[in-house]
PDB file of N, CA and C in Angstrom:
ATOM      1  N   MET A   1     -52.651  26.769 -20.780  1.00  0.00           N
ATOM      2  CA  MET A   1     -52.459  26.018 -21.681  1.00  0.00           C
ATOM      3  C   MET A   1     -53.203  26.300 -22.996  1.00  0.00           C
ATOM      4  N   ASP A   2     -52.535  26.642 -23.974  1.00  0.00           N
ATOM      5  CA  ASP A   2     -53.341  26.825 -25.380  1.00  0.00           C
ATOM      6  C   ASP A   2     -54.272  25.903 -25.868  1.00  0.00           C
ATOM      7  N   SER A   3     -55.303  26.489 -26.268  1.00  0.00           N
ATOM      8  CA  SER A   3     -56.621  25.451 -26.484  1.00  0.00           C
ATOM      9  C   SER A   3     -56.310  24.374 -27.635  1.00  0.00           C
ATOM     10  N   PHE A   4     -55.438  24.881 -28.475  1.00  0.00           N
ATOM     11  CA  PHE A   4     -55.066  24.118 -29.618  1.00  0.00           C
ATOM     12  C   PHE A   4     -54.323  22.833 -29.101  1.00  0.00           C
ATOM     13  N   TYR A   5     -53.356  23.361 -28.235  1.00  0.00           N
ATOM     14  CA  TYR A   5     -52.424  22.105 -27.661  1.00  0.00           C
ATOM     15  C   TYR A   5     -53.207  21.178 -26.639  1.00  0.00           C
ATOM     16  N   ARG A   6     -53.945  22.007 -26.084  1.00  0.00           N
ATOM     17  CA  ARG A   6     -54.946  20.914 -25.164  1.00  0.00           C
ATOM     18  C   ARG A   6     -55.945  20.041 -25.830  1.00  0.00           C
ATOM     19  N   GLY A   7     -56.602  20.613 -26.907  1.00  0.00           N
ATOM     20  CA  GLY A   7     -57.498  19.887 -27.812  1.00  0.00           C
ATOM     21  C   GLY A   7     -56.805  18.644 -28.547  1.00  0.00           C
ATOM     22  N   THR A   8     -55.434  18.897 -28.802  1.00  0.00           N
ATOM     23  CA  THR A   8     -54.721  17.992 -29.406  1.00  0.00           C
ATOM     24  C   THR A   8     -54.298  16.833 -28.699  1.00  0.00           C
ATOM     25  N   LEU A   9     -53.934  17.119 -27.295  1.00  0.00           N
ATOM     26  CA  LEU A   9     -53.512  16.241 -26.226  1.00  0.00           C
ATOM     27  C   LEU A   9     -54.766  15.556 -25.816  1.00  0.00           C
ATOM     28  N   LEU A  10     -55.925  16.105 -25.962  1.00  0.00           N
ATOM     29  CA  LEU A  10     -57.133  15.107 -25.584  1.00  0.00           C
ATOM     30  C   LEU A  10     -57.310  14.348 -26.773  1.00  0.00           C
ATOM     31  N   VAL A  11     -57.376  14.730 -27.910  1.00  0.00           N
ATOM     32  CA  VAL A  11     -57.404  13.687 -29.006  1.00  0.00           C
ATOM     33  C   VAL A  11     -56.515  12.474 -29.192  1.00  0.00           C
ATOM     34  N   ILE A  12     -55.386  12.995 -28.651  1.00  0.00           N
ATOM     35  CA  ILE A  12     -54.411  11.772 -28.601  1.00  0.00           C
ATOM     36  C   ILE A  12     -54.565  10.890 -27.516  1.00  0.00           C
ATOM     37  N   VAL A  13     -54.934  11.422 -26.234  1.00  0.00           N
ATOM     38  CA  VAL A  13     -55.082  10.575 -25.165  1.00  0.00           C
ATOM     39  C   VAL A  13     -56.366   9.531 -25.569  1.00  0.00           C
ATOM     40  N   LEU A  14     -57.530  10.142 -26.338  1.00  0.00           N
ATOM     41  CA  LEU A  14     -58.509   9.232 -26.406  1.00  0.00           C
ATOM     42  C   LEU A  14     -58.250   8.337 -27.650  1.00  0.00           C
ATOM     43  N   ALA A  15     -57.519   8.637 -28.381  1.00  0.00           N
ATOM     44  CA  ALA A  15     -57.035   7.928 -29.432  1.00  0.00           C
ATOM     45  C   ALA A  15     -56.306   6.557 -28.802  1.00  0.00           C
ATOM     46  N   LEU A  16     -55.486   6.804 -27.874  1.00  0.00           N
ATOM     47  CA  LEU A  16     -54.602   5.870 -27.134  1.00  0.00           C
ATOM     48  C   LEU A  16     -55.718   4.956 -26.460  1.00  0.00           C
ATOM     49  N   ALA A  17     -56.502   5.499 -25.681  1.00  0.00           N
ATOM     50  CA  ALA A  17     -57.612   5.003 -25.165  1.00  0.00           C
ATOM     51  C   ALA A  17     -58.386   3.900 -26.047  1.00  0.00           C
ATOM     52  N   ILE A  18     -58.829   4.266 -27.092  1.00  0.00           N
ATOM     53  CA  ILE A  18     -59.387   3.325 -28.031  1.00  0.00           C
ATOM     54  C   ILE A  18     -58.380   2.076 -28.306  1.00  0.00           C
ATOM     55  N   LEU A  19     -57.221   2.576 -28.693  1.00  0.00           N
ATOM     56  CA  LEU A  19     -56.275   1.580 -29.028  1.00  0.00           C
ATOM     57  C   LEU A  19     -56.080   0.561 -27.871  1.00  0.00           C
ATOM     58  N   CYS A  20     -55.843   0.963 -26.487  1.00  0.00           N
ATOM     59  CA  CYS A  20     -55.704   0.084 -25.428  1.00  0.00           C
ATOM     60  C   CYS A  20     -56.930  -0.793 -25.390  1.00  0.00           C
ATOM     61  N   TYR A  21     -58.237  -0.212 -25.633  1.00  0.00           N
ATOM     62  CA  TYR A  21     -59.485  -1.061 -25.615  1.00  0.00           C
ATOM     63  C   TYR A  21     -59.316  -2.166 -26.547  1.00  0.00           C
ATOM     64  N   GLN A  22     -59.149  -1.753 -27.938  1.00  0.00           N
ATOM     65  CA  GLN A  22     -58.842  -2.815 -28.792  1.00  0.00           C
ATOM     66  C   GLN A  22     -57.955  -3.799 -28.689  1.00  0.00           C
ATOM     67  N   ILE A  23     -56.644  -3.361 -28.248  1.00  0.00           N
ATOM     68  CA  ILE A  23     -55.835  -4.459 -27.680  1.00  0.00           C
ATOM     69  C   ILE A  23     -56.083  -5.420 -26.608  1.00  0.00           C
ATOM     70  N   GLY A  24     -56.740  -4.629 -25.641  1.00  0.00           N
ATOM     71  CA  GLY A  24     -57.094  -5.630 -24.407  1.00  0.00           C
ATOM     72  C   GLY A  24     -58.146  -6.470 -24.572  1.00  0.00           C
ATOM     73  N   PHE A  25     -59.191  -6.076 -25.562  1.00  0.00           N
ATOM     74  CA  PHE A  25     -60.336  -7.001 -25.733  1.00  0.00           C
ATOM     75  C   PHE A  25     -59.795  -8.355 -26.513  1.00  0.00           C
ATOM     76  N   THR A  26     -58.811  -7.712 -27.571  1.00  0.00           N
ATOM     77  CA  THR A  26     -58.551  -8.877 -28.578  1.00  0.00           C
ATOM     78  C   THR A  26     -57.472  -9.871 -27.777  1.00  0.00           C
ATOM     79  N   LYS A  27     -56.579  -9.276 -26.888  1.00  0.00           N
ATOM     80  CA  LYS A  27     -55.818 -10.263 -26.149  1.00  0.00           C
ATOM     81  C   LYS A  27     -56.452 -10.844 -24.878  1.00  0.00           C
ATOM     82  N   GLU A  28     -57.464 -10.317 -24.494  1.00  0.00           N
ATOM     83  CA  GLU A  28     -58.280 -10.487 -23.463  1.00  0.00           C
ATOM     84  C   GLU A  28     -57.069 -10.318 -22.028  1.00  0.00           C
ATOM     85  N   SER A  29     -56.733  -8.923 -22.082  1.00  0.00           N
ATOM     86  CA  SER A  29     -55.854  -8.726 -21.164  1.00  0.00           C
ATOM     87  C   SER A  29     -56.547  -7.573 -20.082  1.00  0.00           C
ATOM     88  N   TYR A  30     -56.742  -7.828 -18.878  1.00  0.00           N
ATOM     89  CA  TYR A  30     -57.344  -6.870 -18.142  1.00  0.00           C
ATOM     90  C   TYR A  30     -56.587  -5.660 -17.877  1.00  0.00           C
ATOM     91  N   ALA A  31     -55.359  -5.711 -17.800  1.00  0.00           N
ATOM     92  CA  ALA A  31     -54.513  -4.695 -17.439  1.00  0.00           C
ATOM     93  C   ALA A  31     -54.217  -3.528 -18.637  1.00  0.00           C
ATOM     94  N   VAL A  32     -54.590  -3.946 -19.856  1.00  0.00           N
ATOM     95  CA  VAL A  32     -54.598  -3.064 -20.877  1.00  0.00           C
ATOM     96  C   VAL A  32     -56.074  -2.579 -21.172  1.00  0.00           C
ATOM     97  N   VAL A  33     -56.882  -3.012 -20.836  1.00  0.00           N
ATOM     98  CA  VAL A  33     -58.350  -2.454 -20.643  1.00  0.00           C
ATOM     99  C   VAL A  33     -58.376  -1.478 -19.590  1.00  0.00           C
ATOM    100  N   GLY A  34     -57.653  -1.696 -18.503  1.00  0.00           N
ATOM    101  CA  GLY A  34     -57.785  -0.728 -17.251  1.00  0.00           C
ATOM    102  C   GLY A  34     -56.896   0.301 -17.728  1.00  0.00           C
ATOM    103  N   LEU A  35     -55.746   0.239 -18.470  1.00  0.00           N
ATOM    104  CA  LEU A  35     -55.087   1.308 -18.879  1.00  0.00           C
ATOM    105  C   LEU A  35     -56.037   2.437 -19.928  1.00  0.00           C
ATOM    106  N   GLY A  36     -56.680   1.590 -20.581  1.00  0.00           N
ATOM    107  CA  GLY A  36     -57.832   2.380 -21.638  1.00  0.00           C
ATOM    108  C   GLY A  36     -58.884   3.101 -20.652  1.00  0.00           C
ATOM    109  N   VAL A  37     -59.265   2.540 -19.513  1.00  0.00           N
ATOM    110  CA  VAL A  37     -60.193   3.238 -18.751  1.00  0.00           C
ATOM    111  C   VAL A  37     -59.560   4.464 -18.251  1.00  0.00           C
ATOM    112  N   ILE A  38     -58.212   4.311 -17.616  1.00  0.00           N
ATOM    113  CA  ILE A  38     -57.571   5.286 -17.007  1.00  0.00           C
ATOM    114  C   ILE A  38     -57.626   6.584 -17.990  1.00  0.00           C
ATOM    115  N   LEU A  39     -56.974   6.023 -19.231  1.00  0.00           N
ATOM    116  CA  LEU A  39     -56.869   7.196 -20.260  1.00  0.00           C
ATOM    117  C   LEU A  39     -58.215   7.873 -20.634  1.00  0.00           C
ATOM    118  N   GLU A  40     -59.260   7.073 -20.795  1.00  0.00           N
ATOM    119  CA  GLU A  40     -60.763   7.731 -21.122  1.00  0.00           C
ATOM    120  C   GLU A  40     -60.940   8.524 -20.024  1.00  0.00           C
ATOM    121  N   LEU A  41     -60.957   8.192 -18.671  1.00  0.00           N
ATOM    122  CA  LEU A  41     -61.200   9.061 -17.571  1.00  0.00           C
ATOM    123  C   LEU A  41     -60.438  10.300 -17.691  1.00  0.00           C
ATOM    124  N   SER A  42     -59.234  10.132 -18.058  1.00  0.00           N
ATOM    125  CA  SER A  42     -58.407  11.447 -18.191  1.00  0.00           C
ATOM    126  C   SER A  42     -58.962  12.546 -19.126  1.00  0.00           C
ATOM    127  N   PHE A  43     -59.284  11.781 -20.413  1.00  0.00           N
ATOM    128  CA  PHE A  43     -59.756  12.469 -21.368  1.00  0.00           C
ATOM    129  C   PHE A  43     -61.087  13.141 -20.909  1.00  0.00           C
ATOM    130  N   TRP A  44     -62.035  12.642 -20.218  1.00  0.00           N
ATOM    131  CA  TRP A  44     -63.204  13.453 -19.894  1.00  0.00           C
ATOM    132  C   TRP A  44     -63.150  14.391 -18.615  1.00  0.00           C
ATOM    133  N   VAL A  45     -62.002  14.111 -17.929  1.00  0.00           N
ATOM    134  CA  VAL A  45     -61.727  15.058 -16.830  1.00  0.00           C
ATOM    135  C   VAL A  45     -61.138  16.393 -17.584  1.00  0.00           C
ATOM    136  N   GLY A  46     -60.365  16.042 -18.598  1.00  0.00           N
ATOM    137  CA  GLY A  46     -59.620  17.146 -19.136  1.00  0.00           C
ATOM    138  C   GLY A  46     -60.450  17.983 -20.233  1.00  0.00           C
ATOM    139  N   LEU A  47     -61.510  17.223 -20.479  1.00  0.00           N
ATOM    140  CA  LEU A  47     -62.581  18.047 -21.381  1.00  0.00           C
ATOM    141  C   LEU A  47     -63.344  19.000 -20.591  1.00  0.00           C
ATOM    142  N   TYR A  48     -63.807  18.659 -19.365  1.00  0.00           N
ATOM    143  CA  TYR A  48     -64.931  19.242 -18.659  1.00  0.00           C
ATOM    144  C   TYR A  48     -64.118  20.053 -17.592  1.00  0.00           C
ATOM    145  N   ARG A  49     -62.695  20.034 -17.435  1.00  0.00           N
ATOM    146  CA  ARG A  49     -61.911  21.105 -16.512  1.00  0.00           C
ATOM    147  C   ARG A  49     -62.111  22.307 -16.791  1.00  0.00           C
ATOM    148  N   LYS A  50     -62.219  23.109 -15.826  1.00  0.00           N
ATOM    149  CA  LYS A  50     -62.294  24.485 -16.172  1.00  0.00           C
ATOM    150  C   LYS A  50     -61.056  25.259 -15.923  1.00  0.00           C
ATOM    151  N   THR A  51     -60.642  26.306 -16.954  1.00  0.00           N
ATOM    152  CA  THR A  51     -59.212  26.600 -16.835  1.00  0.00           C
ATOM    153  C   THR A  51     -59.528  27.921 -15.944  1.00  0.00           C
ATOM    154  N   GLN A  52     -58.451  28.047 -15.053  1.00  0.00           N
ATOM    155  CA  GLN A  52     -58.256  29.059 -14.155  1.00  0.00           C
ATOM    156  C   GLN A  52     -57.366  30.165 -14.788  1.00  0.00           C
ATOM    157  N   ARG A  53     -57.776  31.533 -14.395  1.00  0.00           N
ATOM    158  CA  ARG A  53     -57.147  32.591 -15.074  1.00  0.00           C
ATOM    159  C   ARG A  53     -57.066  33.625 -13.843  1.00  0.00           C
TER     160      ARG A  53
END
């Protein structure tokens, strides 16, 4: 995957995680906070994943 697209995708995933945290804590919804955690974990895994060539 091209580094530009990978970086853009990671920024979008992190923004969605922050949005889920904001909505989840405001509405006291554990499901939305859980979705935010999953999105944030996918951000960190994607950030540190080594590319195989």
